[in-house]
Amino acid sequence: MIGDPHGTAPDVAGPRPQQPQQSARSEPALTGDVELDAAMVALARAQNLSFTERIDSGERVHRLLQGRLGDLGRA
């Protein structure tokens, strides 16, 4: 029961899922798509650069992902 001051209501929600642990890894996982992998690495590295460079890297990844998804739609 919500708001049970004595804690006697059963826990109907079950156990809470564990949060994924943060990796110390600064490079993204590789996908096998050479062009996309290079763009993702550039995006990860751009996090230490100017805002404009981060936006440019993010837009490049976005365009590549849109293209890959478009390719799937035509397959």
PDB file of N, CA and C in Angstrom:
ATOM      1  N   MET A   1       0.845  -1.160   0.000  1.00  0.00           N
ATOM      2  CA  MET A   1       0.000   0.000   0.000  1.00  0.00           C
ATOM      3  C   MET A   1       0.901   1.236   0.000  1.00  0.00           C
ATOM      4  N   ILE A   2       0.556   2.189  -0.828  1.00  0.00           N
ATOM      5  CA  ILE A   2       1.338   3.420  -0.901  1.00  0.00           C
ATOM      6  C   ILE A   2       1.103   4.220   0.369  1.00  0.00           C
ATOM      7  N   GLY A   3       2.140   4.744   0.918  1.00  0.00           N
ATOM      8  CA  GLY A   3       2.043   5.543   2.125  1.00  0.00           C
ATOM      9  C   GLY A   3       1.850   4.714   3.387  1.00  0.00           C
ATOM     10  N   ASP A   4       2.205   3.448   3.345  1.00  0.00           N
ATOM     11  CA  ASP A   4       2.071   2.557   4.503  1.00  0.00           C
ATOM     12  C   ASP A   4       3.134   2.950   5.524  1.00  0.00           C
ATOM     13  N   PRO A   5       2.742   3.596   6.645  1.00  0.00           N
ATOM     14  CA  PRO A   5       3.740   4.089   7.596  1.00  0.00           C
ATOM     15  C   PRO A   5       4.469   2.986   8.348  1.00  0.00           C
ATOM     16  N   HIS A   6       3.916   1.787   8.368  1.00  0.00           N
ATOM     17  CA  HIS A   6       4.538   0.700   9.124  1.00  0.00           C
ATOM     18  C   HIS A   6       5.348  -0.245   8.242  1.00  0.00           C
ATOM     19  N   GLY A   7       5.270  -0.048   6.933  1.00  0.00           N
ATOM     20  CA  GLY A   7       6.022  -0.901   6.021  1.00  0.00           C
ATOM     21  C   GLY A   7       5.521  -2.330   5.981  1.00  0.00           C
ATOM     22  N   THR A   8       4.227  -2.522   6.222  1.00  0.00           N
ATOM     23  CA  THR A   8       3.690  -3.885   6.261  1.00  0.00           C
ATOM     24  C   THR A   8       3.094  -4.332   4.939  1.00  0.00           C
ATOM     25  N   ALA A   9       2.935  -3.421   3.993  1.00  0.00           N
ATOM     26  CA  ALA A   9       2.357  -3.792   2.700  1.00  0.00           C
ATOM     27  C   ALA A   9       3.397  -4.547   1.881  1.00  0.00           C
ATOM     28  N   PRO A  10       2.943  -5.550   1.112  1.00  0.00           N
ATOM     29  CA  PRO A  10       3.898  -6.290   0.273  1.00  0.00           C
ATOM     30  C   PRO A  10       4.445  -5.402  -0.838  1.00  0.00           C
ATOM     31  N   ASP A  11       5.648  -5.704  -1.256  1.00  0.00           N
ATOM     32  CA  ASP A  11       6.288  -4.971  -2.348  1.00  0.00           C
ATOM     33  C   ASP A  11       5.819  -5.589  -3.654  1.00  0.00           C
ATOM     34  N   VAL A  12       4.792  -5.007  -4.262  1.00  0.00           N
ATOM     35  CA  VAL A  12       4.228  -5.579  -5.482  1.00  0.00           C
ATOM     36  C   VAL A  12       5.034  -5.205  -6.718  1.00  0.00           C
ATOM     37  N   ALA A  13       5.894  -4.231  -6.598  1.00  0.00           N
ATOM     38  CA  ALA A  13       6.681  -3.814  -7.754  1.00  0.00           C
ATOM     39  C   ALA A  13       7.835  -4.765  -8.026  1.00  0.00           C
ATOM     40  N   GLY A  14       8.223  -5.558  -7.067  1.00  0.00           N
ATOM     41  CA  GLY A  14       9.346  -6.467  -7.264  1.00  0.00           C
ATOM     42  C   GLY A  14      10.668  -5.750  -7.100  1.00  0.00           C
ATOM     43  N   PRO A  15      11.737  -6.473  -7.351  1.00  0.00           N
ATOM     44  CA  PRO A  15      13.061  -5.864  -7.182  1.00  0.00           C
ATOM     45  C   PRO A  15      13.292  -4.782  -8.229  1.00  0.00           C
ATOM     46  N   ARG A  16      14.047  -3.788  -7.854  1.00  0.00           N
ATOM     47  CA  ARG A  16      14.377  -2.713  -8.792  1.00  0.00           C
ATOM     48  C   ARG A  16      15.547  -3.146  -9.670  1.00  0.00           C
ATOM     49  N   PRO A  17      15.473  -2.825 -10.960  1.00  0.00           N
ATOM     50  CA  PRO A  17      16.603  -3.183 -11.831  1.00  0.00           C
ATOM     51  C   PRO A  17      17.831  -2.375 -11.457  1.00  0.00           C
ATOM     52  N   GLN A  18      18.972  -2.994 -11.606  1.00  0.00           N
ATOM     53  CA  GLN A  18      20.221  -2.297 -11.303  1.00  0.00           C
ATOM     54  C   GLN A  18      20.525  -1.313 -12.413  1.00  0.00           C
ATOM     55  N   GLN A  19      21.071  -0.183 -12.029  1.00  0.00           N
ATOM     56  CA  GLN A  19      21.482   0.815 -12.999  1.00  0.00           C
ATOM     57  C   GLN A  19      22.774   0.349 -13.660  1.00  0.00           C
ATOM     58  N   PRO A  20      22.903   0.568 -14.982  1.00  0.00           N
ATOM     59  CA  PRO A  20      24.166   0.192 -15.618  1.00  0.00           C
ATOM     60  C   PRO A  20      25.305   1.002 -15.031  1.00  0.00           C
ATOM     61  N   GLN A  21      26.421   0.340 -14.841  1.00  0.00           N
ATOM     62  CA  GLN A  21      27.572   1.025 -14.272  1.00  0.00           C
ATOM     63  C   GLN A  21      28.242   1.866 -15.338  1.00  0.00           C
ATOM     64  N   GLN A  22      28.704   3.028 -14.918  1.00  0.00           N
ATOM     65  CA  GLN A  22      29.406   3.913 -15.828  1.00  0.00           C
ATOM     66  C   GLN A  22      30.763   3.312 -16.163  1.00  0.00           C
ATOM     67  N   SER A  23      31.083   3.318 -17.417  1.00  0.00           N
ATOM     68  CA  SER A  23      32.359   2.791 -17.861  1.00  0.00           C
ATOM     69  C   SER A  23      33.392   3.911 -17.842  1.00  0.00           C
ATOM     70  N   ALA A  24      34.600   3.570 -17.507  1.00  0.00           N
ATOM     71  CA  ALA A  24      35.684   4.542 -17.540  1.00  0.00           C
ATOM     72  C   ALA A  24      36.149   4.764 -18.974  1.00  0.00           C
ATOM     73  N   ARG A  25      35.598   4.007 -19.882  1.00  0.00           N
ATOM     74  CA  ARG A  25      35.975   4.042 -21.284  1.00  0.00           C
ATOM     75  C   ARG A  25      35.509   5.346 -21.923  1.00  0.00           C
ATOM     76  N   SER A  26      36.382   6.018 -22.635  1.00  0.00           N
ATOM     77  CA  SER A  26      36.016   7.273 -23.276  1.00  0.00           C
ATOM     78  C   SER A  26      35.669   7.080 -24.745  1.00  0.00           C
ATOM     79  N   GLU A  27      36.015   5.955 -25.311  1.00  0.00           N
ATOM     80  CA  GLU A  27      35.718   5.676 -26.714  1.00  0.00           C
ATOM     81  C   GLU A  27      34.436   4.854 -26.808  1.00  0.00           C
ATOM     82  N   PRO A  28      33.586   5.142 -27.793  1.00  0.00           N
ATOM     83  CA  PRO A  28      32.351   4.366 -27.940  1.00  0.00           C
ATOM     84  C   PRO A  28      32.632   2.952 -28.443  1.00  0.00           C
ATOM     85  N   ALA A  29      31.681   2.063 -28.218  1.00  0.00           N
ATOM     86  CA  ALA A  29      31.802   0.691 -28.721  1.00  0.00           C
ATOM     87  C   ALA A  29      31.759   0.709 -30.250  1.00  0.00           C
ATOM     88  N   LEU A  30      32.503  -0.174 -30.867  1.00  0.00           N
ATOM     89  CA  LEU A  30      32.539  -0.245 -32.327  1.00  0.00           C
ATOM     90  C   LEU A  30      31.328  -0.998 -32.853  1.00  0.00           C
ATOM     91  N   THR A  31      30.826  -0.534 -33.997  1.00  0.00           N
ATOM     92  CA  THR A  31      29.646  -1.144 -34.610  1.00  0.00           C
ATOM     93  C   THR A  31      29.993  -2.060 -35.772  1.00  0.00           C
ATOM     94  N   GLY A  32      31.194  -1.899 -36.319  1.00  0.00           N
ATOM     95  CA  GLY A  32      31.565  -2.652 -37.514  1.00  0.00           C
ATOM     96  C   GLY A  32      31.380  -1.827 -38.780  1.00  0.00           C
ATOM     97  N   ASP A  33      30.693  -0.710 -38.683  1.00  0.00           N
ATOM     98  CA  ASP A  33      30.513   0.223 -39.797  1.00  0.00           C
ATOM     99  C   ASP A  33      31.640   1.247 -39.669  1.00  0.00           C
ATOM    100  N   VAL A  34      32.623   1.155 -40.550  1.00  0.00           N
ATOM    101  CA  VAL A  34      33.841   1.963 -40.426  1.00  0.00           C
ATOM    102  C   VAL A  34      33.530   3.456 -40.385  1.00  0.00           C
ATOM    103  N   GLU A  35      32.675   3.917 -41.274  1.00  0.00           N
ATOM    104  CA  GLU A  35      32.361   5.347 -41.329  1.00  0.00           C
ATOM    105  C   GLU A  35      31.619   5.804 -40.068  1.00  0.00           C
ATOM    106  N   LEU A  36      30.661   5.011 -39.627  1.00  0.00           N
ATOM    107  CA  LEU A  36      29.919   5.350 -38.414  1.00  0.00           C
ATOM    108  C   LEU A  36      30.824   5.282 -37.184  1.00  0.00           C
ATOM    109  N   ASP A  37      31.666   4.261 -37.108  1.00  0.00           N
ATOM    110  CA  ASP A  37      32.587   4.149 -35.973  1.00  0.00           C
ATOM    111  C   ASP A  37      33.496   5.374 -35.884  1.00  0.00           C
ATOM    112  N   ALA A  38      34.012   5.820 -37.028  1.00  0.00           N
ATOM    113  CA  ALA A  38      34.885   6.997 -37.040  1.00  0.00           C
ATOM    114  C   ALA A  38      34.121   8.237 -36.577  1.00  0.00           C
ATOM    115  N   ALA A  39      32.874   8.373 -37.013  1.00  0.00           N
ATOM    116  CA  ALA A  39      32.063   9.522 -36.610  1.00  0.00           C
ATOM    117  C   ALA A  39      31.753   9.476 -35.118  1.00  0.00           C
ATOM    118  N   MET A  40      31.488   8.288 -34.585  1.00  0.00           N
ATOM    119  CA  MET A  40      31.191   8.157 -33.158  1.00  0.00           C
ATOM    120  C   MET A  40      32.423   8.463 -32.303  1.00  0.00           C
ATOM    121  N   VAL A  41      33.593   8.020 -32.759  1.00  0.00           N
ATOM    122  CA  VAL A  41      34.836   8.332 -32.042  1.00  0.00           C
ATOM    123  C   VAL A  41      35.074   9.844 -32.074  1.00  0.00           C
ATOM    124  N   ALA A  42      34.861  10.462 -33.239  1.00  0.00           N
ATOM    125  CA  ALA A  42      35.035  11.913 -33.346  1.00  0.00           C
ATOM    126  C   ALA A  42      34.059  12.641 -32.424  1.00  0.00           C
ATOM    127  N   LEU A  43      32.826  12.145 -32.318  1.00  0.00           N
ATOM    128  CA  LEU A  43      31.841  12.756 -31.427  1.00  0.00           C
ATOM    129  C   LEU A  43      32.282  12.636 -29.968  1.00  0.00           C
ATOM    130  N   ALA A  44      32.773  11.476 -29.586  1.00  0.00           N
ATOM    131  CA  ALA A  44      33.239  11.287 -28.207  1.00  0.00           C
ATOM    132  C   ALA A  44      34.410  12.216 -27.904  1.00  0.00           C
ATOM    133  N   ARG A  45      35.308  12.352 -28.831  1.00  0.00           N
ATOM    134  CA  ARG A  45      36.471  13.216 -28.623  1.00  0.00           C
ATOM    135  C   ARG A  45      36.095  14.690 -28.654  1.00  0.00           C
ATOM    136  N   ALA A  46      35.032  15.030 -29.371  1.00  0.00           N
ATOM    137  CA  ALA A  46      34.603  16.424 -29.486  1.00  0.00           C
ATOM    138  C   ALA A  46      34.044  16.965 -28.181  1.00  0.00           C
ATOM    139  N   GLN A  47      33.756  16.106 -27.228  1.00  0.00           N
ATOM    140  CA  GLN A  47      33.191  16.565 -25.959  1.00  0.00           C
ATOM    141  C   GLN A  47      34.140  17.505 -25.228  1.00  0.00           C
ATOM    142  N   ASN A  48      35.415  17.458 -25.561  1.00  0.00           N
ATOM    143  CA  ASN A  48      36.398  18.350 -24.944  1.00  0.00           C
ATOM    144  C   ASN A  48      36.686  19.572 -25.811  1.00  0.00           C
ATOM    145  N   LEU A  49      35.960  19.709 -26.918  1.00  0.00           N
ATOM    146  CA  LEU A  49      36.193  20.812 -27.849  1.00  0.00           C
ATOM    147  C   LEU A  49      35.116  21.881 -27.675  1.00  0.00           C
ATOM    148  N   SER A  50      35.100  22.832 -28.586  1.00  0.00           N
ATOM    149  CA  SER A  50      34.127  23.922 -28.505  1.00  0.00           C
ATOM    150  C   SER A  50      32.713  23.416 -28.770  1.00  0.00           C
ATOM    151  N   PHE A  51      31.748  24.217 -28.368  1.00  0.00           N
ATOM    152  CA  PHE A  51      30.349  23.875 -28.575  1.00  0.00           C
ATOM    153  C   PHE A  51      30.063  23.665 -30.063  1.00  0.00           C
ATOM    154  N   THR A  52      30.610  24.525 -30.909  1.00  0.00           N
ATOM    155  CA  THR A  52      30.401  24.417 -32.354  1.00  0.00           C
ATOM    156  C   THR A  52      30.942  23.098 -32.889  1.00  0.00           C
ATOM    157  N   GLU A  53      32.110  22.691 -32.420  1.00  0.00           N
ATOM    158  CA  GLU A  53      32.695  21.424 -32.876  1.00  0.00           C
ATOM    159  C   GLU A  53      31.885  20.227 -32.383  1.00  0.00           C
ATOM    160  N   ARG A  54      31.331  20.329 -31.182  1.00  0.00           N
ATOM    161  CA  ARG A  54      30.474  19.243 -30.678  1.00  0.00           C
ATOM    162  C   ARG A  54      29.209  19.134 -31.515  1.00  0.00           C
ATOM    163  N   ILE A  55      28.612  20.279 -31.845  1.00  0.00           N
ATOM    164  CA  ILE A  55      27.400  20.284 -32.676  1.00  0.00           C
ATOM    165  C   ILE A  55      27.711  19.698 -34.047  1.00  0.00           C
ATOM    166  N   ASP A  56      28.808  20.110 -34.658  1.00  0.00           N
ATOM    167  CA  ASP A  56      29.186  19.596 -35.979  1.00  0.00           C
ATOM    168  C   ASP A  56      29.357  18.079 -35.950  1.00  0.00           C
ATOM    169  N   SER A  57      30.026  17.569 -34.932  1.00  0.00           N
ATOM    170  CA  SER A  57      30.227  16.119 -34.815  1.00  0.00           C
ATOM    171  C   SER A  57      28.901  15.404 -34.612  1.00  0.00           C
ATOM    172  N   GLY A  58      28.052  15.954 -33.778  1.00  0.00           N
ATOM    173  CA  GLY A  58      26.743  15.351 -33.531  1.00  0.00           C
ATOM    174  C   GLY A  58      25.885  15.325 -34.780  1.00  0.00           C
ATOM    175  N   GLU A  59      25.928  16.399 -35.546  1.00  0.00           N
ATOM    176  CA  GLU A  59      25.145  16.443 -36.786  1.00  0.00           C
ATOM    177  C   GLU A  59      25.668  15.430 -37.800  1.00  0.00           C
ATOM    178  N   ARG A  60      26.969  15.235 -37.837  1.00  0.00           N
ATOM    179  CA  ARG A  60      27.535  14.239 -38.758  1.00  0.00           C
ATOM    180  C   ARG A  60      27.042  12.841 -38.394  1.00  0.00           C
ATOM    181  N   VAL A  61      27.075  12.506 -37.110  1.00  0.00           N
ATOM    182  CA  VAL A  61      26.587  11.201 -36.660  1.00  0.00           C
ATOM    183  C   VAL A  61      25.102  11.070 -36.982  1.00  0.00           C
ATOM    184  N   HIS A  62      24.346  12.121 -36.751  1.00  0.00           N
ATOM    185  CA  HIS A  62      22.908  12.098 -37.024  1.00  0.00           C
ATOM    186  C   HIS A  62      22.638  11.820 -38.504  1.00  0.00           C
ATOM    187  N   ARG A  63      23.358  12.509 -39.395  1.00  0.00           N
ATOM    188  CA  ARG A  63      23.180  12.281 -40.837  1.00  0.00           C
ATOM    189  C   ARG A  63      23.526  10.843 -41.217  1.00  0.00           C
ATOM    190  N   LEU A  64      24.627  10.329 -40.670  1.00  0.00           N
ATOM    191  CA  LEU A  64      25.021   8.951 -40.973  1.00  0.00           C
ATOM    192  C   LEU A  64      23.961   7.957 -40.503  1.00  0.00           C
ATOM    193  N   LEU A  65      23.451   8.147 -39.293  1.00  0.00           N
ATOM    194  CA  LEU A  65      22.429   7.238 -38.775  1.00  0.00           C
ATOM    195  C   LEU A  65      21.149   7.326 -39.599  1.00  0.00           C
ATOM    196  N   GLN A  66      20.764   8.528 -40.009  1.00  0.00           N
ATOM    197  CA  GLN A  66      19.586   8.669 -40.855  1.00  0.00           C
ATOM    198  C   GLN A  66      19.784   7.930 -42.174  1.00  0.00           C
ATOM    199  N   GLY A  67      20.976   8.039 -42.739  1.00  0.00           N
ATOM    200  CA  GLY A  67      21.266   7.339 -43.985  1.00  0.00           C
ATOM    201  C   GLY A  67      21.208   5.828 -43.823  1.00  0.00           C
ATOM    202  N   ARG A  68      21.767   5.335 -42.720  1.00  0.00           N
ATOM    203  CA  ARG A  68      21.748   3.883 -42.485  1.00  0.00           C
ATOM    204  C   ARG A  68      20.321   3.387 -42.292  1.00  0.00           C
ATOM    205  N   LEU A  69      19.519   4.142 -41.552  1.00  0.00           N
ATOM    206  CA  LEU A  69      18.120   3.744 -41.349  1.00  0.00           C
ATOM    207  C   LEU A  69      17.341   3.815 -42.658  1.00  0.00           C
ATOM    208  N   GLY A  70      17.652   4.804 -43.486  1.00  0.00           N
ATOM    209  CA  GLY A  70      17.012   4.892 -44.799  1.00  0.00           C
ATOM    210  C   GLY A  70      17.375   3.701 -45.667  1.00  0.00           C
ATOM    211  N   ASP A  71      18.633   3.255 -45.568  1.00  0.00           N
ATOM    212  CA  ASP A  71      19.067   2.071 -46.317  1.00  0.00           C
ATOM    213  C   ASP A  71      18.278   0.845 -45.887  1.00  0.00           C
ATOM    214  N   LEU A  72      17.987   0.728 -44.593  1.00  0.00           N
ATOM    215  CA  LEU A  72      17.214  -0.416 -44.095  1.00  0.00           C
ATOM    216  C   LEU A  72      15.800  -0.403 -44.655  1.00  0.00           C
ATOM    217  N   GLY A  73      15.234   0.786 -44.804  1.00  0.00           N
ATOM    218  CA  GLY A  73      13.881   0.903 -45.335  1.00  0.00           C
ATOM    219  C   GLY A  73      13.792   0.515 -46.797  1.00  0.00           C
ATOM    220  N   ARG A  74      14.896   0.626 -47.518  1.00  0.00           N
ATOM    221  CA  ARG A  74      14.906   0.269 -48.943  1.00  0.00           C
ATOM    222  C   ARG A  74      15.321  -1.174 -49.180  1.00  0.00           C
ATOM    223  N   ALA A  75      15.749  -1.857 -48.132  1.00  0.00           N
ATOM    224  CA  ALA A  75      16.232  -3.235 -48.295  1.00  0.00           C
ATOM    225  C   ALA A  75      15.098  -4.216 -48.450  1.00  0.00           C
TER     226      ALA A  75
END
